Amino acid sequence: MEVELGKSEVPALAELKDLCRHECTAERYADTVREFGWSLEHVLEDMKTPEMCRRALEASAELGYGHLALLHHIPFAEVCMEAIRDWYGEGRADLYEVASAIRPEVFDGKMADFLVAEDGRCLSLLLVHLQTPELWRKCAEHNWMSFVMIPWRERSQEACLTAYLNYPGMIHAHPHVVPQPVDSYYNVYSLCRLMEQMTGEKFTCGQMADFYGGKRMAVKCIEVPDGFLKDREVLSTGRKRRSASPLSASGRSRGSRNSKSRNGTTHPRGATE
């Protein structure tokens, strides 16, 4: 990004660029940055401080989007986060564009959480070690394009479930976006689709997470091999049995008789017991 310098700023910047290392003192750097914020670009990394970077941003505020380009020369996550909240919070810039100016190694977990929660596109800016299953799920919440930006191998069952519940039509139209292990094996994603088929109801991520984790769930009607049962509580047991397929855990295979518990609830065996 090109930045137009004023006449008074050129000498200060030229002087800083021509300094030998032994002439580079913290005081000299600080004075130059205070005079012209863009000179931060030529400050040695080990001489930069959070306060110096804040002064550089303040001194270059009149540069418009050139102000954002300074973020590339700031190695402190907390200072970059302050700039993000300032520009994005006031609606002066697109969040993805602001974040794109920051060096990838500067991002930390706190910034990653904020960026992806606000704009799923920001996932592509993060280093791999910051991309967690929770961030992938948040990314899938935004829109269809944010979901498909998640690396194919990293599309977790939770992220796929979030995308399916938010954009079922797109998942039906493009089933290949869901990794085969997620689609074929017993997990919270395949269990949700199975329960929709068996009950005709729609569920939330929270409901399916609880159900998959072993919590009973009340349904108005559920299909079993012998017909339909109404107003029942069902319990998932496929996770304990490590079933290899949602279909084999659906109660449609052998051993799928219905049994009544002592409290009168009926448990179709298999994926629902």
Protein backbone atom coordinates (compact mmCIF):
# COMPACT_ATOMS: atom_id res chain seq x y z
CA MET A 1 0.00 0.00 0.00
CA GLU A 2 1.44 3.36 -0.99
CA VAL A 3 1.46 6.15 1.58
CA GLU A 4 1.92 9.78 0.59
CA LEU A 5 4.41 11.55 2.83
CA GLY A 6 4.41 15.21 3.73
CA LYS A 7 7.56 17.28 3.19
CA SER A 8 8.32 17.42 6.89
CA GLU A 9 8.01 13.67 7.23
CA VAL A 10 10.47 12.64 4.54
CA PRO A 11 13.64 13.81 6.36
CA ALA A 12 12.58 12.08 9.56
CA LEU A 13 11.94 8.81 7.77
CA ALA A 14 15.14 9.03 5.72
CA GLU A 15 17.15 9.67 8.85
CA LEU A 16 15.71 6.64 10.58
CA LYS A 17 16.33 4.35 7.62
CA ASP A 18 19.99 5.43 7.43
CA LEU A 19 20.82 4.93 11.09
CA CYS A 20 23.42 2.35 12.05
CA ARG A 21 22.32 -0.18 14.64
CA HIS A 22 24.48 1.36 17.37
CA GLU A 23 22.77 4.69 16.72
CA CYS A 24 19.31 3.20 17.13
CA THR A 25 18.18 4.06 20.63
CA ALA A 26 14.75 3.59 22.10
CA GLU A 27 14.46 7.33 22.63
CA ARG A 28 15.37 8.14 19.04
CA TYR A 29 12.91 5.60 17.68
CA ALA A 30 10.17 6.86 19.96
CA ASP A 31 10.70 10.48 18.92
CA THR A 32 10.62 9.63 15.21
CA VAL A 33 7.51 7.45 15.52
CA ARG A 34 5.77 10.14 17.51
CA GLU A 35 6.51 12.59 14.70
CA PHE A 36 5.59 10.25 11.87
CA GLY A 37 3.82 6.98 12.66
CA TRP A 38 4.76 5.28 9.40
CA SER A 39 8.41 5.24 10.46
CA LEU A 40 7.47 2.25 12.65
CA GLU A 41 8.17 0.17 9.55
CA HIS A 42 11.90 0.86 9.99
CA VAL A 43 12.11 0.30 13.74
CA LEU A 44 13.98 -2.89 14.67
CA GLU A 45 11.61 -5.56 15.97
CA ASP A 46 13.36 -5.93 19.31
CA MET A 47 13.10 -2.18 19.88
CA LYS A 48 9.36 -1.96 19.38
CA THR A 49 7.06 -1.67 22.37
CA PRO A 50 3.26 -1.74 22.64
CA GLU A 51 3.22 1.93 23.56
CA MET A 52 5.38 2.87 20.58
CA CYS A 53 3.01 0.98 18.26
CA ARG A 54 0.01 2.76 19.74
CA ARG A 55 1.68 6.12 19.15
CA ALA A 56 2.46 5.12 15.56
CA LEU A 57 -1.22 4.39 14.92
CA GLU A 58 -2.26 7.65 16.52
CA ALA A 59 0.27 9.63 14.47
CA SER A 60 -0.89 8.10 11.19
CA ALA A 61 -4.64 8.20 11.69
CA GLU A 62 -5.07 10.77 8.91
CA LEU A 63 -3.72 8.29 6.36
CA GLY A 64 -7.08 6.55 6.04
CA TYR A 65 -6.58 2.93 4.98
CA GLY A 66 -2.84 3.53 5.05
CA HIS A 67 -3.35 3.55 8.78
CA LEU A 68 -4.35 -0.12 8.57
CA ALA A 69 -1.21 -1.04 6.65
CA LEU A 70 0.78 -0.17 9.77
CA LEU A 71 -0.74 -3.21 11.46
CA HIS A 72 1.64 -5.35 9.42
CA HIS A 73 4.54 -3.84 11.35
CA ILE A 74 3.03 -4.33 14.81
CA PRO A 75 4.12 -7.55 16.58
CA PHE A 76 1.79 -7.23 19.58
CA ALA A 77 -1.56 -9.00 19.54
CA GLU A 78 -3.14 -6.70 22.13
CA VAL A 79 -2.35 -3.57 20.11
CA CYS A 80 -3.67 -5.12 16.90
CA MET A 81 -6.82 -6.17 18.74
CA GLU A 82 -7.35 -2.61 19.92
CA ALA A 83 -7.06 -1.38 16.32
CA ILE A 84 -9.47 -4.06 15.11
CA ARG A 85 -12.08 -3.09 17.68
CA ASP A 86 -11.58 0.58 16.87
CA TRP A 87 -11.94 0.30 13.09
CA TYR A 88 -14.38 -2.58 12.84
CA GLY A 89 -16.43 -1.55 15.87
CA GLU A 90 -17.08 1.87 14.38
CA GLY A 91 -17.88 0.40 10.98
CA ARG A 92 -15.00 2.19 9.28
CA ALA A 93 -13.53 -0.91 7.67
CA ASP A 94 -14.34 -4.47 6.71
CA LEU A 95 -13.18 -6.86 9.43
CA TYR A 96 -11.53 -9.30 7.03
CA GLU A 97 -9.61 -6.45 5.39
CA VAL A 98 -8.41 -5.15 8.75
CA ALA A 99 -7.31 -8.61 9.90
CA SER A 100 -5.57 -9.27 6.57
CA ALA A 101 -3.07 -6.50 7.38
CA ILE A 102 -1.83 -8.36 10.47
CA ARG A 103 1.05 -10.81 10.24
CA PRO A 104 -0.20 -14.39 10.75
CA GLU A 105 2.24 -15.11 13.59
CA VAL A 106 0.79 -12.23 15.62
CA PHE A 107 -2.66 -13.76 15.98
CA ASP A 108 -3.40 -15.41 19.32
CA GLY A 109 -6.30 -17.47 20.62
CA LYS A 110 -8.27 -14.47 21.85
CA MET A 111 -8.04 -12.72 18.48
CA ALA A 112 -8.91 -15.94 16.65
CA ASP A 113 -12.06 -16.40 18.73
CA PHE A 114 -13.20 -12.83 18.10
CA LEU A 115 -12.43 -12.78 14.38
CA VAL A 116 -14.10 -16.07 13.45
CA ALA A 117 -17.12 -15.37 15.65
CA GLU A 118 -17.62 -12.11 13.72
CA ASP A 119 -16.62 -13.19 10.21
CA GLY A 120 -16.07 -16.79 9.11
CA ARG A 121 -13.74 -15.68 6.31
CA CYS A 122 -11.11 -14.83 8.90
CA LEU A 123 -10.48 -18.54 9.48
CA SER A 124 -8.32 -18.55 6.36
CA LEU A 125 -5.98 -15.99 7.96
CA LEU A 126 -5.18 -18.12 11.00
CA LEU A 127 -2.27 -20.49 11.40
CA VAL A 128 -3.23 -24.15 11.76
CA HIS A 129 -2.47 -24.38 15.48
CA LEU A 130 -5.16 -21.74 16.16
CA GLN A 131 -7.85 -23.53 14.16
CA THR A 132 -9.79 -25.56 16.73
CA PRO A 133 -12.98 -27.64 16.39
CA GLU A 134 -14.84 -24.88 18.21
CA LEU A 135 -13.63 -22.30 15.67
CA TRP A 136 -14.67 -24.57 12.80
CA ARG A 137 -18.13 -24.81 14.31
CA LYS A 138 -18.34 -21.02 14.69
CA CYS A 139 -17.19 -20.65 11.11
CA ALA A 140 -19.99 -22.93 9.92
CA GLU A 141 -22.56 -20.76 11.70
CA HIS A 142 -21.99 -17.74 9.46
CA ASN A 143 -22.92 -18.87 5.98
CA TRP A 144 -22.46 -21.63 3.45
CA MET A 145 -19.28 -20.16 1.97
CA SER A 146 -17.69 -19.90 5.41
CA PHE A 147 -18.36 -23.59 5.96
CA VAL A 148 -16.77 -24.70 2.71
CA MET A 149 -13.69 -22.60 3.57
CA ILE A 150 -12.95 -25.08 6.35
CA PRO A 151 -10.28 -27.50 5.10
CA TRP A 152 -11.97 -30.73 4.02
CA ARG A 153 -10.03 -32.85 6.50
CA GLU A 154 -10.98 -30.49 9.31
CA ARG A 155 -14.73 -30.51 8.77
CA SER A 156 -15.66 -32.03 12.08
CA GLN A 157 -18.94 -33.70 12.88
CA GLU A 158 -19.96 -30.65 14.94
CA ALA A 159 -19.16 -28.24 12.09
CA CYS A 160 -21.02 -30.42 9.60
CA LEU A 161 -24.03 -30.63 11.93
CA THR A 162 -24.06 -26.84 12.29
CA ALA A 163 -23.94 -26.40 8.51
CA TYR A 164 -26.63 -29.03 7.97
CA LEU A 165 -29.04 -27.41 10.45
CA ASN A 166 -28.42 -23.92 9.03
CA TYR A 167 -28.27 -24.78 5.32
CA PRO A 168 -29.92 -28.19 4.82
CA GLY A 169 -30.73 -27.47 1.19
CA MET A 170 -27.07 -26.84 0.37
CA ILE A 171 -25.96 -30.03 2.12
CA HIS A 172 -28.55 -32.02 0.18
CA ALA A 173 -27.46 -30.38 -3.07
CA HIS A 174 -23.73 -30.82 -2.36
CA PRO A 175 -23.35 -33.94 -0.20
CA HIS A 176 -19.68 -34.26 -1.19
CA VAL A 177 -18.76 -31.35 1.11
CA VAL A 178 -19.30 -33.62 4.12
CA PRO A 179 -16.33 -35.96 4.65
CA GLN A 180 -17.20 -39.63 4.18
CA PRO A 181 -16.31 -40.66 7.78
CA VAL A 182 -18.66 -37.98 9.15
CA ASP A 183 -21.46 -38.97 6.79
CA SER A 184 -21.09 -42.75 7.16
CA TYR A 185 -20.11 -43.45 10.76
CA TYR A 186 -22.08 -43.02 13.94
CA ASN A 187 -21.63 -39.50 15.32
CA VAL A 188 -23.68 -36.46 16.27
CA TYR A 189 -24.12 -35.44 12.61
CA SER A 190 -25.35 -38.81 11.31
CA LEU A 191 -27.45 -39.31 14.45
CA CYS A 192 -29.25 -36.02 13.81
CA ARG A 193 -30.11 -36.97 10.23
CA LEU A 194 -31.24 -40.40 11.38
CA MET A 195 -33.49 -38.96 14.08
CA GLU A 196 -35.05 -36.56 11.60
CA GLN A 197 -35.90 -39.51 9.37
CA MET A 198 -37.31 -41.53 12.26
CA THR A 199 -39.31 -38.73 13.90
CA GLY A 200 -39.99 -36.12 11.21
CA GLU A 201 -38.88 -33.49 13.73
CA LYS A 202 -36.15 -30.83 13.57
CA PHE A 203 -33.49 -30.54 16.24
CA THR A 204 -30.91 -28.03 17.43
CA CYS A 205 -27.18 -28.53 17.88
CA GLY A 206 -27.63 -28.42 21.64
CA GLN A 207 -30.36 -31.06 21.61
CA MET A 208 -28.32 -33.43 19.48
CA ALA A 209 -25.15 -32.89 21.50
CA ASP A 210 -27.04 -33.83 24.68
CA PHE A 211 -28.74 -36.78 23.00
CA TYR A 212 -25.49 -38.07 21.53
CA GLY A 213 -23.86 -37.66 24.93
CA GLY A 214 -26.39 -39.99 26.56
CA LYS A 215 -29.22 -37.70 27.66
CA ARG A 216 -32.79 -38.88 27.07
CA MET A 217 -34.85 -36.90 24.56
CA ALA A 218 -38.62 -36.69 24.30
CA VAL A 219 -40.13 -37.10 20.83
CA LYS A 220 -43.73 -36.83 19.69
CA CYS A 221 -43.51 -39.80 17.36
CA ILE A 222 -40.79 -42.22 16.32
CA GLU A 223 -40.76 -44.91 13.67
CA VAL A 224 -39.72 -48.42 14.74
CA PRO A 225 -39.82 -51.73 12.84
CA ASP A 226 -43.25 -52.55 14.26
CA GLY A 227 -44.79 -49.19 13.39
CA PHE A 228 -44.86 -45.83 15.20
CA LEU A 229 -44.65 -44.94 18.87
CA LYS A 230 -46.02 -41.65 20.19
CA ASP A 231 -44.92 -39.42 23.08
CA ARG A 232 -41.83 -41.37 24.05
CA GLU A 233 -38.40 -40.73 25.56
CA VAL A 234 -35.51 -42.15 23.59
CA LEU A 235 -31.90 -42.78 24.52
CA SER A 236 -28.94 -43.07 22.17
CA THR A 237 -26.69 -46.07 22.80
CA GLY A 238 -24.80 -46.25 19.53
CA ARG A 239 -21.87 -44.32 20.97
CA LYS A 240 -21.33 -46.90 23.67
CA ARG A 241 -21.53 -49.71 21.16
CA ARG A 242 -19.17 -47.92 18.73
CA SER A 243 -21.51 -48.73 15.87
CA ALA A 244 -19.84 -48.38 12.49
CA SER A 245 -22.86 -46.99 10.67
CA PRO A 246 -25.85 -44.81 11.56
CA LEU A 247 -28.07 -47.28 9.75
CA SER A 248 -26.88 -50.28 11.76
CA ALA A 249 -27.52 -48.28 14.90
CA SER A 250 -31.03 -47.20 13.92
CA GLY A 251 -33.05 -50.08 15.33
CA ARG A 252 -33.66 -51.43 11.83
CA SER A 253 -31.14 -54.23 12.15
CA ARG A 254 -31.33 -57.38 14.25
CA GLY A 255 -32.10 -57.01 17.94
CA SER A 256 -34.34 -54.01 17.36
CA ARG A 257 -37.29 -55.07 19.50
CA ASN A 258 -38.96 -52.51 21.72
CA SER A 259 -38.76 -52.82 25.48
CA LYS A 260 -40.49 -50.91 28.23
CA SER A 261 -38.57 -49.54 31.18
CA ARG A 262 -39.87 -49.43 34.70
CA ASN A 263 -41.09 -45.84 34.25
CA GLY A 264 -43.13 -46.80 31.19
CA THR A 265 -40.93 -45.15 28.57
CA THR A 266 -40.20 -47.11 25.41
CA HIS A 267 -36.68 -47.42 24.04
CA PRO A 268 -36.25 -48.54 20.43
CA ARG A 269 -32.93 -50.38 20.56
CA GLY A 270 -29.90 -49.39 18.47
CA ALA A 271 -29.33 -45.69 17.79
CA THR A 272 -32.29 -45.13 20.07
CA GLU A 273 -32.87 -47.38 22.97
